[in-house]
N, C-alpha and C. Protein backbone atom coordinates (compact mmCIF):
# COMPACT_ATOMS: atom_id res chain seq x y z
N UNK A 1 0.84 -1.18 0.00
CA UNK A 1 0.00 0.00 0.00
C UNK A 1 0.89 1.24 0.00
N UNK A 2 0.49 2.18 -0.83
CA UNK A 2 1.18 3.46 -0.86
C UNK A 2 0.16 4.53 -0.51
N UNK A 3 0.45 5.78 -0.80
CA UNK A 3 -0.45 6.86 -0.43
C UNK A 3 -0.29 8.03 -1.39
N UNK A 4 -1.38 8.76 -1.59
CA UNK A 4 -1.28 9.97 -2.39
C UNK A 4 -0.42 11.02 -1.70
N UNK A 5 -0.19 10.86 -0.40
CA UNK A 5 0.73 11.78 0.29
C UNK A 5 2.12 11.67 -0.31
N UNK A 6 2.52 10.49 -0.73
CA UNK A 6 3.81 10.29 -1.37
C UNK A 6 3.76 10.57 -2.86
N UNK A 7 2.68 10.16 -3.52
CA UNK A 7 2.57 10.31 -4.97
C UNK A 7 2.29 11.74 -5.40
N UNK A 8 1.55 12.47 -4.57
CA UNK A 8 1.16 13.84 -4.92
C UNK A 8 1.74 14.83 -3.93
N UNK A 9 1.57 14.57 -2.64
CA UNK A 9 2.08 15.44 -1.60
C UNK A 9 1.01 15.81 -0.59
N UNK A 10 1.46 16.27 0.56
CA UNK A 10 0.54 16.71 1.60
C UNK A 10 1.33 17.53 2.62
N UNK A 11 0.65 18.42 3.31
CA UNK A 11 1.29 19.23 4.34
C UNK A 11 1.60 18.38 5.56
N UNK A 12 2.73 18.65 6.20
CA UNK A 12 3.04 18.08 7.49
C UNK A 12 3.28 16.59 7.50
N UNK A 13 3.60 16.00 6.36
CA UNK A 13 3.77 14.55 6.31
C UNK A 13 5.04 14.16 5.56
N UNK A 14 6.12 14.89 5.75
CA UNK A 14 7.34 14.65 4.97
C UNK A 14 7.86 13.23 5.15
N UNK A 15 7.95 12.75 6.38
CA UNK A 15 8.49 11.40 6.59
C UNK A 15 7.54 10.34 6.03
N UNK A 16 6.26 10.51 6.26
CA UNK A 16 5.26 9.56 5.75
C UNK A 16 5.26 9.58 4.22
N UNK A 17 5.29 10.77 3.63
CA UNK A 17 5.30 10.90 2.17
C UNK A 17 6.52 10.22 1.56
N UNK A 18 7.68 10.43 2.15
CA UNK A 18 8.91 9.81 1.64
C UNK A 18 8.82 8.29 1.71
N UNK A 19 8.31 7.78 2.80
CA UNK A 19 8.18 6.33 2.95
C UNK A 19 7.21 5.76 1.92
N UNK A 20 6.10 6.42 1.71
CA UNK A 20 5.09 5.92 0.77
C UNK A 20 5.56 6.03 -0.67
N UNK A 21 6.30 7.07 -1.01
CA UNK A 21 6.85 7.15 -2.36
C UNK A 21 7.93 6.09 -2.54
N UNK A 22 8.67 5.80 -1.48
CA UNK A 22 9.66 4.72 -1.52
C UNK A 22 9.01 3.38 -1.81
N UNK A 23 7.84 3.14 -1.26
CA UNK A 23 7.12 1.89 -1.53
C UNK A 23 6.79 1.79 -3.02
N UNK A 24 6.36 2.90 -3.62
CA UNK A 24 6.04 2.89 -5.05
C UNK A 24 7.29 2.57 -5.88
N UNK A 25 8.43 3.15 -5.50
CA UNK A 25 9.68 2.87 -6.20
C UNK A 25 10.12 1.43 -6.02
N UNK A 26 10.00 0.91 -4.81
CA UNK A 26 10.35 -0.48 -4.55
C UNK A 26 9.46 -1.42 -5.35
N UNK A 27 8.18 -1.14 -5.38
CA UNK A 27 7.24 -1.98 -6.13
C UNK A 27 7.60 -2.00 -7.62
N UNK A 28 7.93 -0.84 -8.16
CA UNK A 28 8.31 -0.76 -9.58
C UNK A 28 9.58 -1.57 -9.84
N UNK A 29 10.56 -1.46 -8.95
CA UNK A 29 11.80 -2.23 -9.10
C UNK A 29 11.55 -3.72 -9.01
N UNK A 30 10.69 -4.13 -8.08
CA UNK A 30 10.34 -5.55 -7.98
C UNK A 30 9.66 -6.02 -9.26
N UNK A 31 8.74 -5.22 -9.78
CA UNK A 31 8.05 -5.58 -11.02
C UNK A 31 9.06 -5.79 -12.16
N UNK A 32 10.04 -4.90 -12.26
CA UNK A 32 11.04 -5.01 -13.32
C UNK A 32 11.99 -6.20 -13.09
N UNK A 33 12.52 -6.29 -11.89
CA UNK A 33 13.53 -7.32 -11.60
C UNK A 33 12.97 -8.73 -11.56
N UNK A 34 11.75 -8.87 -11.10
CA UNK A 34 11.22 -10.21 -10.86
C UNK A 34 10.27 -10.70 -11.95
N UNK A 35 10.05 -9.90 -12.99
CA UNK A 35 9.13 -10.32 -14.06
C UNK A 35 9.59 -11.61 -14.73
N UNK A 36 10.88 -11.84 -14.80
CA UNK A 36 11.39 -13.07 -15.42
C UNK A 36 10.99 -14.32 -14.65
N UNK A 37 10.57 -14.12 -13.39
CA UNK A 37 10.10 -15.24 -12.57
C UNK A 37 8.58 -15.21 -12.42
N UNK A 38 7.91 -14.41 -13.25
CA UNK A 38 6.46 -14.24 -13.21
C UNK A 38 5.96 -13.69 -11.88
N UNK A 39 6.79 -12.88 -11.24
CA UNK A 39 6.38 -12.21 -10.01
C UNK A 39 5.79 -10.85 -10.41
N UNK A 40 4.65 -10.54 -9.86
CA UNK A 40 3.99 -9.26 -10.13
C UNK A 40 4.09 -8.39 -8.89
N UNK A 41 4.16 -7.08 -9.10
CA UNK A 41 4.19 -6.13 -8.00
C UNK A 41 3.43 -4.88 -8.42
N UNK A 42 2.43 -4.54 -7.66
CA UNK A 42 1.61 -3.36 -7.91
C UNK A 42 1.38 -2.64 -6.59
N UNK A 43 0.94 -1.41 -6.67
CA UNK A 43 0.60 -0.64 -5.47
C UNK A 43 -0.87 -0.24 -5.51
N UNK A 44 -1.42 -0.14 -4.33
CA UNK A 44 -2.76 0.42 -4.15
C UNK A 44 -2.61 1.62 -3.23
N UNK A 45 -3.20 2.73 -3.63
CA UNK A 45 -3.27 3.89 -2.76
C UNK A 45 -4.72 4.02 -2.31
N UNK A 46 -5.01 3.57 -1.10
CA UNK A 46 -6.40 3.53 -0.65
C UNK A 46 -6.90 4.87 -0.13
N UNK A 47 -8.14 5.13 -0.40
CA UNK A 47 -8.84 6.25 0.21
C UNK A 47 -9.83 5.60 1.17
N UNK A 48 -9.56 5.66 2.45
CA UNK A 48 -10.46 5.05 3.42
C UNK A 48 -10.32 5.77 4.76
N UNK A 49 -11.38 5.77 5.51
CA UNK A 49 -11.36 6.36 6.84
C UNK A 49 -10.48 5.51 7.74
N UNK A 50 -9.64 6.16 8.49
CA UNK A 50 -8.78 5.45 9.43
C UNK A 50 -8.46 6.37 10.60
N UNK A 51 -7.84 5.81 11.63
CA UNK A 51 -7.44 6.62 12.78
C UNK A 51 -6.45 7.70 12.36
N UNK A 52 -5.66 7.41 11.31
CA UNK A 52 -4.63 8.36 10.89
C UNK A 52 -5.24 9.68 10.42
N UNK A 53 -6.41 9.62 9.82
CA UNK A 53 -7.04 10.87 9.37
C UNK A 53 -8.18 11.28 10.29
N UNK A 54 -8.28 10.62 11.42
CA UNK A 54 -9.34 10.90 12.37
C UNK A 54 -9.26 12.27 13.02
N UNK A 55 -8.16 12.97 12.82
CA UNK A 55 -8.00 14.30 13.42
C UNK A 55 -8.40 15.42 12.46
N UNK A 56 -9.02 15.08 11.34
CA UNK A 56 -9.48 16.12 10.41
C UNK A 56 -10.45 17.03 11.17
N UNK A 57 -10.26 18.35 11.07
CA UNK A 57 -11.13 19.27 11.80
C UNK A 57 -12.60 19.10 11.42
N UNK A 58 -13.47 19.23 12.40
CA UNK A 58 -14.91 19.15 12.18
C UNK A 58 -15.60 20.29 12.90
N UNK A 59 -15.07 21.48 12.71
CA UNK A 59 -15.58 22.64 13.43
C UNK A 59 -16.79 23.29 12.76
N UNK A 60 -16.91 23.13 11.45
CA UNK A 60 -18.02 23.75 10.73
C UNK A 60 -18.93 22.67 10.18
N UNK A 61 -20.10 23.06 9.76
CA UNK A 61 -21.03 22.09 9.16
C UNK A 61 -20.44 21.50 7.89
N UNK A 62 -19.76 22.30 7.08
CA UNK A 62 -19.14 21.79 5.85
C UNK A 62 -18.06 20.76 6.17
N UNK A 63 -17.25 21.02 7.20
CA UNK A 63 -16.22 20.05 7.61
C UNK A 63 -16.85 18.77 8.13
N UNK A 64 -17.95 18.89 8.89
CA UNK A 64 -18.62 17.69 9.40
C UNK A 64 -19.21 16.87 8.26
N UNK A 65 -19.77 17.55 7.24
CA UNK A 65 -20.32 16.84 6.08
C UNK A 65 -19.21 16.14 5.30
N UNK A 66 -18.09 16.82 5.15
CA UNK A 66 -16.95 16.23 4.44
C UNK A 66 -16.46 14.97 5.15
N UNK A 67 -16.31 15.04 6.46
CA UNK A 67 -15.84 13.89 7.23
C UNK A 67 -16.87 12.76 7.16
N UNK A 68 -18.14 13.09 7.20
CA UNK A 68 -19.18 12.05 7.09
C UNK A 68 -19.05 11.31 5.76
N UNK A 69 -18.76 12.03 4.68
CA UNK A 69 -18.56 11.38 3.37
C UNK A 69 -17.30 10.51 3.37
N UNK A 70 -16.24 11.02 3.99
CA UNK A 70 -15.00 10.25 4.04
C UNK A 70 -15.21 8.97 4.84
N UNK A 71 -16.02 9.03 5.88
CA UNK A 71 -16.27 7.84 6.70
C UNK A 71 -16.98 6.74 5.92
N UNK A 72 -17.63 7.10 4.81
CA UNK A 72 -18.26 6.10 3.94
C UNK A 72 -17.23 5.29 3.18
N UNK A 73 -16.00 5.80 3.08
CA UNK A 73 -14.93 5.12 2.36
C UNK A 73 -14.27 4.13 3.32
N UNK A 74 -14.64 2.88 3.21
CA UNK A 74 -14.20 1.86 4.15
C UNK A 74 -13.20 0.91 3.51
N UNK A 75 -12.45 0.20 4.32
CA UNK A 75 -11.50 -0.79 3.78
C UNK A 75 -12.18 -1.85 2.92
N UNK A 76 -13.45 -2.13 3.18
CA UNK A 76 -14.17 -3.12 2.38
C UNK A 76 -14.24 -2.71 0.91
N UNK A 77 -14.12 -1.42 0.64
CA UNK A 77 -14.13 -0.93 -0.74
C UNK A 77 -12.77 -1.14 -1.42
N UNK A 78 -11.71 -1.29 -0.63
CA UNK A 78 -10.36 -1.46 -1.15
C UNK A 78 -10.09 -2.94 -1.45
N UNK A 79 -10.64 -3.82 -0.65
CA UNK A 79 -10.35 -5.25 -0.71
C UNK A 79 -10.55 -5.87 -2.10
N UNK A 80 -11.62 -5.55 -2.84
CA UNK A 80 -11.77 -6.19 -4.16
C UNK A 80 -10.59 -5.94 -5.10
N UNK A 81 -9.99 -4.75 -5.04
CA UNK A 81 -8.82 -4.47 -5.89
C UNK A 81 -7.65 -5.34 -5.46
N UNK A 82 -7.42 -5.47 -4.17
CA UNK A 82 -6.32 -6.30 -3.69
C UNK A 82 -6.51 -7.75 -4.13
N UNK A 83 -7.74 -8.26 -4.00
CA UNK A 83 -8.02 -9.64 -4.41
C UNK A 83 -7.85 -9.80 -5.92
N UNK A 84 -8.34 -8.83 -6.69
CA UNK A 84 -8.16 -8.89 -8.14
C UNK A 84 -6.68 -8.97 -8.52
N UNK A 85 -5.86 -8.12 -7.90
CA UNK A 85 -4.45 -8.06 -8.28
C UNK A 85 -3.69 -9.35 -7.99
N UNK A 86 -4.14 -10.15 -7.04
CA UNK A 86 -3.47 -11.42 -6.78
C UNK A 86 -4.12 -12.58 -7.54
N UNK A 87 -5.17 -12.30 -8.29
CA UNK A 87 -5.88 -13.35 -9.01
C UNK A 87 -5.24 -13.62 -10.37
N UNK A 88 -5.62 -14.75 -10.97
CA UNK A 88 -5.16 -15.08 -12.31
C UNK A 88 -5.67 -14.09 -13.35
N UNK A 89 -6.80 -13.45 -13.07
CA UNK A 89 -7.34 -12.46 -14.01
C UNK A 89 -6.40 -11.28 -14.20
N UNK A 90 -5.51 -11.05 -13.24
CA UNK A 90 -4.55 -9.94 -13.31
C UNK A 90 -3.15 -10.44 -13.59
N UNK A 91 -3.02 -11.58 -14.24
CA UNK A 91 -1.70 -12.18 -14.44
C UNK A 91 -0.76 -11.31 -15.27
N UNK A 92 -1.31 -10.38 -16.04
CA UNK A 92 -0.45 -9.50 -16.85
C UNK A 92 -0.37 -8.08 -16.29
N UNK A 93 -0.82 -7.89 -15.06
CA UNK A 93 -0.81 -6.56 -14.43
C UNK A 93 0.37 -6.49 -13.47
N UNK A 94 1.33 -5.64 -13.76
CA UNK A 94 2.48 -5.46 -12.87
C UNK A 94 3.06 -4.07 -13.07
N UNK A 95 3.66 -3.54 -12.03
CA UNK A 95 4.29 -2.22 -12.11
C UNK A 95 3.30 -1.07 -12.15
N UNK A 96 2.07 -1.29 -11.71
CA UNK A 96 1.04 -0.26 -11.78
C UNK A 96 0.72 0.26 -10.39
N UNK A 97 0.13 1.46 -10.36
CA UNK A 97 -0.33 2.07 -9.11
C UNK A 97 -1.81 2.39 -9.29
N UNK A 98 -2.62 1.82 -8.43
CA UNK A 98 -4.06 2.03 -8.49
C UNK A 98 -4.53 2.78 -7.25
N UNK A 99 -5.42 3.73 -7.44
CA UNK A 99 -6.10 4.37 -6.34
C UNK A 99 -7.50 3.79 -6.24
N UNK A 100 -7.97 3.58 -5.04
CA UNK A 100 -9.33 3.09 -4.83
C UNK A 100 -10.00 3.98 -3.81
N UNK A 101 -11.12 4.56 -4.21
CA UNK A 101 -11.87 5.46 -3.34
C UNK A 101 -13.35 5.14 -3.50
N UNK A 102 -13.92 4.56 -2.46
CA UNK A 102 -15.31 4.16 -2.45
C UNK A 102 -15.57 3.28 -3.67
N UNK A 103 -16.30 3.76 -4.66
CA UNK A 103 -16.63 2.95 -5.84
C UNK A 103 -15.84 3.37 -7.07
N UNK A 104 -14.77 4.11 -6.88
CA UNK A 104 -13.92 4.55 -7.99
C UNK A 104 -12.57 3.84 -7.94
N UNK A 105 -12.04 3.57 -9.12
CA UNK A 105 -10.69 3.04 -9.25
C UNK A 105 -9.93 3.98 -10.17
N UNK A 106 -8.74 4.40 -9.72
CA UNK A 106 -7.88 5.29 -10.51
C UNK A 106 -6.63 4.53 -10.93
N UNK A 107 -6.19 4.72 -12.16
CA UNK A 107 -4.85 4.31 -12.56
C UNK A 107 -4.00 5.55 -12.42
N UNK A 108 -3.00 5.49 -11.54
CA UNK A 108 -2.18 6.66 -11.24
C UNK A 108 -1.05 6.80 -12.25
N UNK A 109 -0.72 8.03 -12.60
CA UNK A 109 0.41 8.30 -13.46
C UNK A 109 1.72 8.03 -12.73
N UNK A 110 2.76 7.83 -13.51
CA UNK A 110 4.07 7.59 -12.93
C UNK A 110 5.07 8.56 -13.56
N UNK A 111 6.15 8.77 -12.87
CA UNK A 111 7.13 9.77 -13.30
C UNK A 111 7.72 9.43 -14.66
N UNK A 112 7.67 10.39 -15.54
CA UNK A 112 8.24 10.29 -16.88
C UNK A 112 8.79 11.66 -17.26
N UNK A 113 9.83 11.71 -18.11
CA UNK A 113 10.30 13.02 -18.58
C UNK A 113 9.18 13.71 -19.37
N UNK A 114 9.02 15.00 -19.15
CA UNK A 114 8.00 15.73 -19.90
C UNK A 114 8.59 16.82 -20.80
N UNK A 115 9.83 17.16 -20.59
CA UNK A 115 10.49 18.19 -21.43
C UNK A 115 11.98 18.01 -21.28
N UNK A 116 12.70 18.18 -22.39
CA UNK A 116 14.16 18.12 -22.30
C UNK A 116 14.75 19.27 -23.09
N UNK A 117 15.90 19.71 -22.66
CA UNK A 117 16.64 20.78 -23.33
C UNK A 117 18.08 20.29 -23.46
N UNK A 118 18.65 20.42 -24.66
CA UNK A 118 20.01 19.93 -24.90
C UNK A 118 20.88 21.07 -25.40
N UNK A 119 22.12 21.08 -24.98
CA UNK A 119 23.12 22.03 -25.47
C UNK A 119 24.42 21.27 -25.60
N UNK A 120 24.88 21.08 -26.84
CA UNK A 120 26.05 20.28 -27.13
C UNK A 120 27.31 20.71 -26.41
N UNK A 121 27.42 21.98 -26.13
CA UNK A 121 28.62 22.51 -25.47
C UNK A 121 28.55 22.39 -23.94
N UNK A 122 27.45 21.93 -23.42
CA UNK A 122 27.28 21.85 -21.98
C UNK A 122 26.59 23.09 -21.43
N UNK A 123 26.47 23.13 -20.13
CA UNK A 123 25.72 24.18 -19.47
C UNK A 123 26.54 24.87 -18.40
N UNK A 124 26.25 26.14 -18.23
CA UNK A 124 26.72 26.90 -17.07
C UNK A 124 25.47 27.31 -16.31
N UNK A 125 25.60 27.70 -15.06
CA UNK A 125 24.40 28.17 -14.35
C UNK A 125 23.72 29.33 -15.08
N UNK A 126 24.51 30.21 -15.68
CA UNK A 126 23.94 31.35 -16.40
C UNK A 126 23.16 30.91 -17.64
N UNK A 127 23.70 29.94 -18.38
CA UNK A 127 23.01 29.45 -19.57
C UNK A 127 21.74 28.68 -19.20
N UNK A 128 21.80 27.98 -18.08
CA UNK A 128 20.57 27.32 -17.61
C UNK A 128 19.51 28.36 -17.32
N UNK A 129 19.90 29.43 -16.60
CA UNK A 129 18.95 30.49 -16.27
C UNK A 129 18.41 31.17 -17.52
N UNK A 130 19.24 31.30 -18.53
CA UNK A 130 18.85 32.02 -19.75
C UNK A 130 18.06 31.16 -20.73
N UNK A 131 18.37 29.87 -20.83
CA UNK A 131 17.76 29.03 -21.87
C UNK A 131 16.95 27.85 -21.34
N UNK A 132 17.55 27.03 -20.49
CA UNK A 132 16.87 25.82 -20.04
C UNK A 132 15.67 26.14 -19.13
N UNK A 133 15.90 27.00 -18.16
CA UNK A 133 14.84 27.34 -17.22
C UNK A 133 13.61 27.91 -17.93
N UNK A 134 13.74 28.89 -18.84
CA UNK A 134 12.54 29.41 -19.51
C UNK A 134 11.83 28.35 -20.36
N UNK A 135 12.60 27.41 -20.93
CA UNK A 135 11.98 26.37 -21.75
C UNK A 135 11.22 25.36 -20.90
N UNK A 136 11.70 25.11 -19.69
CA UNK A 136 11.08 24.10 -18.83
C UNK A 136 10.00 24.66 -17.91
N UNK A 137 10.12 25.91 -17.52
CA UNK A 137 9.22 26.48 -16.52
C UNK A 137 7.74 26.30 -16.87
N UNK A 138 7.31 26.49 -18.12
CA UNK A 138 5.87 26.31 -18.41
C UNK A 138 5.37 24.89 -18.15
N UNK A 139 6.28 23.95 -18.03
CA UNK A 139 5.91 22.55 -17.82
C UNK A 139 6.03 22.11 -16.37
N UNK A 140 6.43 23.01 -15.48
CA UNK A 140 6.57 22.65 -14.07
C UNK A 140 5.22 22.23 -13.49
N UNK A 141 5.27 21.26 -12.59
CA UNK A 141 4.08 20.87 -11.85
C UNK A 141 3.90 21.83 -10.69
N UNK A 142 2.67 22.12 -10.37
CA UNK A 142 2.37 22.93 -9.20
C UNK A 142 2.59 22.11 -7.94
N UNK A 143 2.66 22.77 -6.81
CA UNK A 143 2.80 22.08 -5.53
C UNK A 143 1.41 21.73 -5.03
N UNK A 144 0.89 20.63 -5.56
CA UNK A 144 -0.44 20.17 -5.19
C UNK A 144 -0.38 19.29 -3.97
N UNK A 145 -1.51 19.21 -3.31
CA UNK A 145 -1.71 18.24 -2.24
C UNK A 145 -2.77 17.27 -2.74
N UNK A 146 -2.88 16.16 -2.10
CA UNK A 146 -3.88 15.16 -2.49
C UNK A 146 -5.26 15.80 -2.62
N UNK A 147 -5.63 16.63 -1.66
CA UNK A 147 -6.97 17.23 -1.70
C UNK A 147 -7.13 18.24 -2.83
N UNK A 148 -6.02 18.74 -3.38
CA UNK A 148 -6.10 19.65 -4.53
C UNK A 148 -6.36 18.88 -5.82
N UNK A 149 -5.92 17.63 -5.85
CA UNK A 149 -6.01 16.82 -7.06
C UNK A 149 -7.31 16.03 -7.10
N UNK A 150 -7.73 15.53 -5.95
CA UNK A 150 -8.94 14.71 -5.86
C UNK A 150 -10.04 15.48 -5.17
N UNK A 151 -11.19 15.51 -5.79
CA UNK A 151 -12.37 16.01 -5.10
C UNK A 151 -12.67 15.02 -3.98
N UNK A 152 -13.01 15.51 -2.82
CA UNK A 152 -13.28 14.60 -1.71
C UNK A 152 -14.74 14.23 -1.62
N UNK A 153 -15.47 14.48 -2.69
CA UNK A 153 -16.86 14.04 -2.73
C UNK A 153 -16.89 12.65 -3.35
N UNK A 154 -17.00 11.61 -2.55
CA UNK A 154 -17.00 10.25 -3.10
C UNK A 154 -18.19 10.03 -4.01
N UNK A 155 -17.92 9.33 -5.05
CA UNK A 155 -18.99 9.03 -6.03
C UNK A 155 -19.69 7.76 -5.61
């Protein structure tokens, strides 16, 4: 199991985020290294109510409604994906990251290059600032948190 805290980010969870992103990297390495032995490795990032998120503020009616919806997301909703991934029906599924939230299943993106800049003569910090940075900046990802990426209204 991994977490969107590692895959996307979250406030105040640096150690947890690093550990969960490490799990995704380990799973990918296992999928690559062990495929010759027909070993599969996938990750699930569950959305479910737990003690870990039990401290979400509930001071306003909107916060109480949000928490009530999150409480509908139970581990029982995650289990079918786990069972599927170990079944023969998923014999060709490996190296993937799935999110499961109530009745939704997400296939999560994975890190890939999105822009490259080349200079045959090499780079100096000044040339990076002048050429590479302006070419790459429009493609930068924002500093999102899980709640910025996913609507917390379960479907």
